[in-house]
Amino acid sequence: MTPFNIVLVAPEIPQNTGTIGRLAVSTDAVLHLIDPLGFSLEDKYLKRAGLDYWQFLELHRYPCWEDFIAAAGPSARLLFFSTHGEKSYFDERYRPGDYLVFGRESSGLPPEFYGRYRDSLRVIPMPGRRSRSLNLANAVSIVLYEALRQTLYAE
C-alpha cells in the first residue's frame, strides 16, 4: 500500500516533530519537513521524543514550499488541516498517498495558504468552549489514524 505523507510546514517544537516522526515510523508514513525549522535535527528533545525509531524514519526536508510542491509533483493530493477550515476532517475520503499538511504550532499555516488552498482545508472539530487549537502531534495522530481507518480497516 502507498504510504500516507505527513507534511509539517515550519514546525517549531522539536518534541512534537520527534513524536510525529515516531508516529510516521509506526504507521509506515513518510515525513516531509518544510523549512524553516525552529530547531536542529540534532536536537536532543527531538531525539528523545523520537526514541530509537528516528533511524527508521523516511524523512524528506525542503528549503521552501515551492521545492516541496515540485518534488511532490502535479498529481499529489494535498489536504490541509487548520482551525480555518470549514469542512470537517471526518467528511474527507482519504486515499493512500495523500499528503496531510499541517502548519506551525504558534501560527498555523502560512496566511496565503488559506485562500490558495481553500477547497482543501479541513478542520478537526474542537467542541470545548475554551479551545483554540490542538497540540500538533495530537492533530497529526487524529487525522492520520482516521485516514488509516478508512483505507486499511474499512469493511
N, C-alpha and C. Protein backbone atom coordinates (compact mmCIF):
# COMPACT_ATOMS: atom_id res chain seq x y z
N MET A 1 0.84 -1.18 0.00
CA MET A 1 0.00 0.00 0.00
C MET A 1 0.89 1.25 0.00
N THR A 2 0.49 2.24 -0.75
CA THR A 2 1.21 3.51 -0.78
C THR A 2 1.07 4.18 0.58
N PRO A 3 2.15 4.68 1.16
CA PRO A 3 2.05 5.29 2.49
C PRO A 3 1.43 6.69 2.43
N PHE A 4 0.88 7.09 3.56
CA PHE A 4 0.44 8.47 3.70
C PHE A 4 1.66 9.34 3.93
N ASN A 5 1.52 10.60 3.60
CA ASN A 5 2.60 11.58 3.75
C ASN A 5 2.17 12.63 4.76
N ILE A 6 3.01 12.87 5.75
CA ILE A 6 2.78 13.90 6.75
C ILE A 6 3.69 15.06 6.39
N VAL A 7 3.12 16.24 6.23
CA VAL A 7 3.89 17.43 5.85
C VAL A 7 3.77 18.45 6.96
N LEU A 8 4.91 18.86 7.51
CA LEU A 8 4.95 19.89 8.54
C LEU A 8 5.59 21.14 7.96
N VAL A 9 4.84 22.22 7.93
CA VAL A 9 5.33 23.49 7.39
C VAL A 9 5.89 24.32 8.53
N ALA A 10 7.21 24.48 8.55
CA ALA A 10 7.92 25.30 9.53
C ALA A 10 7.61 24.94 10.98
N PRO A 11 7.74 23.66 11.36
CA PRO A 11 7.47 23.30 12.75
C PRO A 11 8.46 23.97 13.69
N GLU A 12 8.01 24.24 14.92
CA GLU A 12 8.82 24.99 15.87
C GLU A 12 9.30 24.20 17.07
N ILE A 13 8.58 23.15 17.45
CA ILE A 13 8.86 22.45 18.71
C ILE A 13 9.43 21.07 18.42
N PRO A 14 10.68 20.83 18.83
CA PRO A 14 11.32 19.56 18.48
C PRO A 14 10.61 18.34 19.04
N GLN A 15 10.02 18.45 20.22
CA GLN A 15 9.34 17.30 20.80
C GLN A 15 8.14 16.87 19.94
N ASN A 16 7.42 17.84 19.40
CA ASN A 16 6.30 17.49 18.52
C ASN A 16 6.79 16.76 17.28
N THR A 17 7.82 17.30 16.64
CA THR A 17 8.33 16.67 15.43
C THR A 17 8.91 15.30 15.73
N GLY A 18 9.57 15.14 16.87
CA GLY A 18 10.08 13.82 17.26
C GLY A 18 8.96 12.82 17.44
N THR A 19 7.89 13.25 18.10
CA THR A 19 6.73 12.38 18.30
C THR A 19 6.07 12.03 16.98
N ILE A 20 5.98 13.00 16.08
CA ILE A 20 5.39 12.75 14.76
C ILE A 20 6.27 11.82 13.94
N GLY A 21 7.58 11.95 14.07
CA GLY A 21 8.49 11.01 13.40
C GLY A 21 8.27 9.59 13.87
N ARG A 22 8.12 9.43 15.17
CA ARG A 22 7.85 8.11 15.75
C ARG A 22 6.52 7.56 15.24
N LEU A 23 5.51 8.42 15.16
CA LEU A 23 4.20 8.04 14.62
C LEU A 23 4.34 7.60 13.16
N ALA A 24 5.12 8.34 12.39
CA ALA A 24 5.32 8.00 10.97
C ALA A 24 5.94 6.62 10.83
N VAL A 25 6.94 6.32 11.62
CA VAL A 25 7.58 5.00 11.55
C VAL A 25 6.56 3.92 11.92
N SER A 26 5.78 4.18 12.94
CA SER A 26 4.81 3.19 13.44
C SER A 26 3.65 2.95 12.48
N THR A 27 3.46 3.83 11.52
CA THR A 27 2.34 3.69 10.57
C THR A 27 2.82 3.59 9.12
N ASP A 28 4.12 3.47 8.92
CA ASP A 28 4.71 3.43 7.57
C ASP A 28 4.42 4.68 6.77
N ALA A 29 4.25 5.81 7.45
CA ALA A 29 4.05 7.09 6.77
C ALA A 29 5.40 7.73 6.48
N VAL A 30 5.40 8.70 5.59
CA VAL A 30 6.60 9.45 5.22
C VAL A 30 6.46 10.85 5.81
N LEU A 31 7.54 11.36 6.39
CA LEU A 31 7.53 12.69 6.98
C LEU A 31 8.27 13.67 6.09
N HIS A 32 7.61 14.80 5.79
CA HIS A 32 8.19 15.87 4.98
C HIS A 32 8.26 17.12 5.84
N LEU A 33 9.44 17.72 5.95
CA LEU A 33 9.63 18.94 6.73
C LEU A 33 9.97 20.09 5.79
N ILE A 34 9.23 21.19 5.96
CA ILE A 34 9.46 22.38 5.15
C ILE A 34 10.13 23.42 6.03
N ASP A 35 11.29 23.90 5.61
CA ASP A 35 12.00 24.94 6.35
C ASP A 35 11.24 26.26 6.32
N PRO A 36 11.47 27.12 7.30
CA PRO A 36 12.48 26.99 8.36
C PRO A 36 11.97 26.15 9.53
N LEU A 37 12.86 25.36 10.09
CA LEU A 37 12.55 24.60 11.30
C LEU A 37 12.96 25.46 12.49
N GLY A 38 12.24 25.33 13.57
CA GLY A 38 12.55 26.09 14.78
C GLY A 38 13.55 25.38 15.67
N PHE A 39 14.27 24.42 15.12
CA PHE A 39 15.22 23.60 15.89
C PHE A 39 16.14 22.90 14.90
N SER A 40 17.17 22.29 15.43
CA SER A 40 18.10 21.49 14.63
C SER A 40 17.62 20.04 14.63
N LEU A 41 17.86 19.33 13.57
CA LEU A 41 17.52 17.90 13.54
C LEU A 41 18.41 17.09 14.47
N GLU A 42 19.41 17.73 15.02
CA GLU A 42 20.28 17.09 16.01
C GLU A 42 19.81 17.36 17.43
N ASP A 43 18.72 18.09 17.60
CA ASP A 43 18.20 18.50 18.90
C ASP A 43 17.96 17.28 19.80
N LYS A 44 18.39 17.37 21.06
CA LYS A 44 18.24 16.25 21.98
C LYS A 44 16.76 15.97 22.29
N TYR A 45 15.92 16.99 22.29
CA TYR A 45 14.50 16.79 22.56
C TYR A 45 13.80 16.08 21.40
N LEU A 46 14.22 16.38 20.20
CA LEU A 46 13.70 15.70 19.02
C LEU A 46 14.05 14.22 19.11
N LYS A 47 15.30 13.94 19.42
CA LYS A 47 15.77 12.55 19.52
C LYS A 47 15.08 11.81 20.67
N ARG A 48 14.90 12.51 21.78
CA ARG A 48 14.26 11.88 22.93
C ARG A 48 12.82 11.50 22.61
N ALA A 49 12.07 12.40 21.99
CA ALA A 49 10.68 12.12 21.65
C ALA A 49 10.58 11.03 20.59
N GLY A 50 11.53 11.00 19.66
CA GLY A 50 11.52 10.01 18.59
C GLY A 50 12.08 8.67 18.99
N LEU A 51 12.73 8.62 20.17
CA LEU A 51 13.38 7.42 20.67
C LEU A 51 14.26 6.80 19.60
N ASP A 52 14.35 5.49 19.58
CA ASP A 52 15.20 4.83 18.59
C ASP A 52 14.47 4.57 17.26
N TYR A 53 13.26 5.09 17.14
CA TYR A 53 12.50 4.97 15.90
C TYR A 53 13.07 5.86 14.80
N TRP A 54 13.67 6.98 15.19
CA TRP A 54 14.10 8.01 14.24
C TRP A 54 14.99 7.44 13.14
N GLN A 55 15.79 6.44 13.46
CA GLN A 55 16.69 5.85 12.47
C GLN A 55 15.94 5.15 11.33
N PHE A 56 14.69 4.79 11.56
CA PHE A 56 13.90 4.09 10.55
C PHE A 56 12.96 5.02 9.77
N LEU A 57 12.99 6.28 10.10
CA LEU A 57 12.07 7.25 9.51
C LEU A 57 12.45 7.58 8.08
N GLU A 58 11.44 7.57 7.19
CA GLU A 58 11.66 8.11 5.85
C GLU A 58 11.36 9.60 5.92
N LEU A 59 12.41 10.38 5.87
CA LEU A 59 12.33 11.82 6.09
C LEU A 59 12.82 12.57 4.86
N HIS A 60 12.05 13.59 4.46
CA HIS A 60 12.44 14.47 3.37
C HIS A 60 12.35 15.90 3.89
N ARG A 61 13.35 16.69 3.57
CA ARG A 61 13.38 18.08 4.03
C ARG A 61 13.53 19.00 2.82
N TYR A 62 12.81 20.12 2.85
CA TYR A 62 12.79 21.05 1.72
C TYR A 62 13.08 22.46 2.23
N PRO A 63 13.84 23.23 1.48
CA PRO A 63 14.16 24.60 1.91
C PRO A 63 12.98 25.55 1.82
N CYS A 64 11.95 25.19 1.02
CA CYS A 64 10.79 26.07 0.89
C CYS A 64 9.61 25.27 0.34
N TRP A 65 8.42 25.87 0.44
CA TRP A 65 7.19 25.23 -0.03
C TRP A 65 7.25 24.90 -1.52
N GLU A 66 7.78 25.81 -2.31
CA GLU A 66 7.83 25.59 -3.76
C GLU A 66 8.67 24.37 -4.11
N ASP A 67 9.77 24.14 -3.39
CA ASP A 67 10.59 22.96 -3.63
C ASP A 67 9.83 21.68 -3.26
N PHE A 68 9.07 21.74 -2.18
CA PHE A 68 8.25 20.59 -1.80
C PHE A 68 7.21 20.29 -2.90
N ILE A 69 6.53 21.32 -3.36
CA ILE A 69 5.50 21.14 -4.40
C ILE A 69 6.12 20.53 -5.66
N ALA A 70 7.29 21.00 -6.03
CA ALA A 70 7.97 20.46 -7.21
C ALA A 70 8.30 18.97 -7.01
N ALA A 71 8.76 18.62 -5.81
CA ALA A 71 9.11 17.23 -5.53
C ALA A 71 7.87 16.33 -5.44
N ALA A 72 6.79 16.84 -4.88
CA ALA A 72 5.57 16.05 -4.74
C ALA A 72 4.94 15.76 -6.11
N GLY A 73 5.03 16.72 -7.00
CA GLY A 73 4.52 16.52 -8.35
C GLY A 73 3.09 17.00 -8.51
N PRO A 74 2.67 17.20 -9.75
CA PRO A 74 1.35 17.78 -10.04
C PRO A 74 0.18 16.88 -9.65
N SER A 75 0.40 15.60 -9.52
CA SER A 75 -0.70 14.70 -9.18
C SER A 75 -0.86 14.49 -7.67
N ALA A 76 0.01 15.13 -6.88
CA ALA A 76 -0.07 14.97 -5.42
C ALA A 76 -1.39 15.52 -4.91
N ARG A 77 -2.03 14.78 -4.06
CA ARG A 77 -3.29 15.21 -3.43
C ARG A 77 -2.97 15.79 -2.06
N LEU A 78 -3.11 17.09 -1.94
CA LEU A 78 -2.77 17.81 -0.71
C LEU A 78 -4.03 18.12 0.08
N LEU A 79 -4.01 17.79 1.37
CA LEU A 79 -5.10 18.12 2.28
C LEU A 79 -4.51 18.92 3.43
N PHE A 80 -5.09 20.06 3.72
CA PHE A 80 -4.57 20.99 4.72
C PHE A 80 -5.46 20.98 5.95
N PHE A 81 -4.84 20.99 7.13
CA PHE A 81 -5.59 20.92 8.37
C PHE A 81 -5.33 22.18 9.18
N SER A 82 -6.45 22.85 9.53
CA SER A 82 -6.36 24.16 10.15
C SER A 82 -7.65 24.49 10.88
N THR A 83 -7.55 25.33 11.88
CA THR A 83 -8.76 25.83 12.54
C THR A 83 -9.56 26.73 11.60
N HIS A 84 -8.97 27.13 10.47
CA HIS A 84 -9.66 27.97 9.48
C HIS A 84 -10.45 27.16 8.45
N GLY A 85 -10.38 25.83 8.55
CA GLY A 85 -11.13 25.01 7.60
C GLY A 85 -12.63 25.06 7.88
N GLU A 86 -13.41 24.84 6.86
CA GLU A 86 -14.86 24.83 7.02
C GLU A 86 -15.41 23.40 7.00
N LYS A 87 -14.74 22.52 6.30
CA LYS A 87 -15.17 21.13 6.24
C LYS A 87 -14.43 20.32 7.30
N SER A 88 -15.13 19.39 7.91
CA SER A 88 -14.53 18.54 8.93
C SER A 88 -13.62 17.48 8.31
N TYR A 89 -12.59 17.12 9.02
CA TYR A 89 -11.72 16.04 8.56
C TYR A 89 -12.48 14.72 8.50
N PHE A 90 -13.58 14.59 9.23
CA PHE A 90 -14.41 13.39 9.19
C PHE A 90 -15.06 13.20 7.82
N ASP A 91 -15.31 14.30 7.12
CA ASP A 91 -16.02 14.23 5.84
C ASP A 91 -15.11 13.92 4.65
N GLU A 92 -13.84 13.83 4.89
CA GLU A 92 -12.88 13.56 3.81
C GLU A 92 -12.83 12.07 3.53
N ARG A 93 -12.67 11.73 2.25
CA ARG A 93 -12.42 10.34 1.84
C ARG A 93 -10.93 10.25 1.54
N TYR A 94 -10.17 9.70 2.46
CA TYR A 94 -8.72 9.64 2.34
C TYR A 94 -8.31 8.54 1.37
N ARG A 95 -7.17 8.78 0.72
CA ARG A 95 -6.62 7.81 -0.21
C ARG A 95 -5.15 7.57 0.12
N PRO A 96 -4.67 6.35 0.01
CA PRO A 96 -3.25 6.12 0.22
C PRO A 96 -2.43 7.06 -0.66
N GLY A 97 -1.38 7.60 -0.10
CA GLY A 97 -0.53 8.53 -0.83
C GLY A 97 -0.88 9.99 -0.59
N ASP A 98 -2.02 10.26 0.05
CA ASP A 98 -2.39 11.65 0.35
C ASP A 98 -1.29 12.34 1.15
N TYR A 99 -1.18 13.63 0.93
CA TYR A 99 -0.27 14.49 1.69
C TYR A 99 -1.11 15.25 2.71
N LEU A 100 -0.87 15.00 3.98
CA LEU A 100 -1.60 15.62 5.08
C LEU A 100 -0.74 16.76 5.60
N VAL A 101 -1.17 17.99 5.38
CA VAL A 101 -0.34 19.17 5.60
C VAL A 101 -0.79 19.93 6.85
N PHE A 102 0.19 20.22 7.72
CA PHE A 102 -0.05 20.91 8.98
C PHE A 102 0.90 22.09 9.12
N GLY A 103 0.42 23.15 9.75
CA GLY A 103 1.23 24.35 9.95
C GLY A 103 2.00 24.34 11.26
N ARG A 104 2.64 25.45 11.52
CA ARG A 104 3.48 25.57 12.73
C ARG A 104 2.61 25.71 13.97
N GLU A 105 3.21 25.37 15.10
CA GLU A 105 2.49 25.33 16.35
C GLU A 105 1.91 26.69 16.77
N SER A 106 2.64 27.76 16.57
CA SER A 106 2.20 29.06 17.08
C SER A 106 1.25 29.81 16.16
N SER A 107 1.33 29.56 14.86
CA SER A 107 0.54 30.39 13.95
C SER A 107 -0.14 29.61 12.82
N GLY A 108 -0.01 28.32 12.80
CA GLY A 108 -0.68 27.52 11.77
C GLY A 108 -0.01 27.61 10.41
N LEU A 109 -0.81 27.46 9.39
CA LEU A 109 -0.31 27.51 8.01
C LEU A 109 0.03 28.95 7.62
N PRO A 110 0.89 29.13 6.64
CA PRO A 110 1.15 30.49 6.14
C PRO A 110 -0.16 31.14 5.68
N PRO A 111 -0.35 32.42 5.95
CA PRO A 111 -1.61 33.11 5.62
C PRO A 111 -2.07 32.95 4.17
N GLU A 112 -1.14 32.93 3.23
CA GLU A 112 -1.53 32.82 1.82
C GLU A 112 -2.16 31.46 1.48
N PHE A 113 -1.92 30.45 2.32
CA PHE A 113 -2.49 29.12 2.07
C PHE A 113 -4.01 29.13 2.20
N TYR A 114 -4.56 29.99 3.05
CA TYR A 114 -6.00 29.97 3.32
C TYR A 114 -6.82 30.32 2.09
N GLY A 115 -6.33 31.17 1.25
CA GLY A 115 -7.01 31.46 0.00
C GLY A 115 -6.61 30.50 -1.10
N ARG A 116 -5.33 30.23 -1.18
CA ARG A 116 -4.77 29.40 -2.25
C ARG A 116 -5.30 27.96 -2.23
N TYR A 117 -5.47 27.42 -1.02
CA TYR A 117 -5.89 26.01 -0.89
C TYR A 117 -7.24 25.88 -0.18
N ARG A 118 -8.08 26.89 -0.31
CA ARG A 118 -9.36 26.96 0.40
C ARG A 118 -10.18 25.67 0.31
N ASP A 119 -10.29 25.09 -0.87
CA ASP A 119 -11.12 23.90 -1.05
C ASP A 119 -10.52 22.65 -0.42
N SER A 120 -9.25 22.71 -0.05
CA SER A 120 -8.58 21.55 0.54
C SER A 120 -8.36 21.70 2.04
N LEU A 121 -8.91 22.76 2.63
CA LEU A 121 -8.77 22.98 4.08
C LEU A 121 -9.77 22.14 4.85
N ARG A 122 -9.29 21.46 5.87
CA ARG A 122 -10.14 20.65 6.75
C ARG A 122 -9.88 21.07 8.19
N VAL A 123 -10.89 20.89 9.03
CA VAL A 123 -10.78 21.26 10.43
C VAL A 123 -11.04 20.03 11.29
N ILE A 124 -10.36 19.95 12.42
CA ILE A 124 -10.66 18.94 13.44
C ILE A 124 -11.59 19.64 14.43
N PRO A 125 -12.85 19.18 14.55
CA PRO A 125 -13.77 19.85 15.47
C PRO A 125 -13.23 19.84 16.90
N MET A 126 -13.40 20.97 17.57
CA MET A 126 -13.00 21.10 18.97
C MET A 126 -14.19 21.67 19.74
N PRO A 127 -15.02 20.80 20.32
CA PRO A 127 -16.23 21.27 20.97
C PRO A 127 -16.01 22.00 22.30
N GLY A 128 -14.80 21.98 22.82
CA GLY A 128 -14.53 22.67 24.08
C GLY A 128 -14.73 24.18 23.95
N ARG A 129 -15.36 24.79 24.93
CA ARG A 129 -15.67 26.22 24.87
C ARG A 129 -14.41 27.10 24.88
N ARG A 130 -13.34 26.63 25.42
CA ARG A 130 -12.13 27.46 25.53
C ARG A 130 -10.99 26.96 24.63
N SER A 131 -11.34 26.19 23.64
CA SER A 131 -10.33 25.58 22.78
C SER A 131 -9.93 26.52 21.64
N ARG A 132 -8.63 26.69 21.45
CA ARG A 132 -8.10 27.47 20.32
C ARG A 132 -7.47 26.55 19.28
N SER A 133 -6.73 25.57 19.77
CA SER A 133 -6.04 24.66 18.86
C SER A 133 -5.62 23.41 19.62
N LEU A 134 -5.24 22.40 18.87
CA LEU A 134 -4.74 21.16 19.44
C LEU A 134 -3.21 21.14 19.34
N ASN A 135 -2.59 20.33 20.15
CA ASN A 135 -1.16 20.09 20.01
C ASN A 135 -0.91 19.49 18.62
N LEU A 136 0.15 19.93 17.96
CA LEU A 136 0.44 19.49 16.61
C LEU A 136 0.56 17.96 16.50
N ALA A 137 1.29 17.34 17.40
CA ALA A 137 1.45 15.88 17.33
C ALA A 137 0.11 15.18 17.51
N ASN A 138 -0.75 15.72 18.38
CA ASN A 138 -2.08 15.13 18.55
C ASN A 138 -2.92 15.29 17.29
N ALA A 139 -2.87 16.47 16.69
CA ALA A 139 -3.66 16.72 15.48
C ALA A 139 -3.23 15.77 14.35
N VAL A 140 -1.93 15.62 14.17
CA VAL A 140 -1.43 14.70 13.13
C VAL A 140 -1.90 13.28 13.41
N SER A 141 -1.83 12.86 14.67
CA SER A 141 -2.27 11.50 15.03
C SER A 141 -3.75 11.29 14.72
N ILE A 142 -4.57 12.26 15.09
CA ILE A 142 -6.02 12.15 14.87
C ILE A 142 -6.32 11.96 13.39
N VAL A 143 -5.74 12.80 12.55
CA VAL A 143 -6.01 12.75 11.11
C VAL A 143 -5.43 11.49 10.48
N LEU A 144 -4.19 11.18 10.81
CA LEU A 144 -3.56 10.00 10.22
C LEU A 144 -4.32 8.72 10.56
N TYR A 145 -4.76 8.59 11.79
CA TYR A 145 -5.48 7.37 12.15
C TYR A 145 -6.86 7.29 11.52
N GLU A 146 -7.50 8.44 11.27
CA GLU A 146 -8.76 8.40 10.51
C GLU A 146 -8.47 7.95 9.08
N ALA A 147 -7.41 8.45 8.48
CA ALA A 147 -7.04 8.04 7.13
C ALA A 147 -6.73 6.54 7.09
N LEU A 148 -6.02 6.05 8.08
CA LEU A 148 -5.72 4.62 8.15
C LEU A 148 -6.99 3.79 8.39
N ARG A 149 -7.87 4.28 9.23
CA ARG A 149 -9.12 3.56 9.49
C ARG A 149 -9.91 3.40 8.19
N GLN A 150 -9.97 4.45 7.42
CA GLN A 150 -10.74 4.40 6.18
C GLN A 150 -10.09 3.50 5.13
N THR A 151 -8.78 3.47 5.09
CA THR A 151 -8.12 2.76 3.99
C THR A 151 -7.68 1.34 4.35
N LEU A 152 -7.33 1.11 5.60
CA LEU A 152 -6.86 -0.22 5.99
C LEU A 152 -7.92 -1.07 6.65
N TYR A 153 -8.83 -0.43 7.35
CA TYR A 153 -9.76 -1.17 8.18
C TYR A 153 -11.21 -1.03 7.76
N ALA A 154 -11.45 -0.44 6.60
CA ALA A 154 -12.82 -0.30 6.12
C ALA A 154 -13.35 -1.66 5.71
N GLU A 155 -14.62 -1.86 5.93
CA GLU A 155 -15.23 -3.15 5.54
C GLU A 155 -15.70 -3.12 4.13
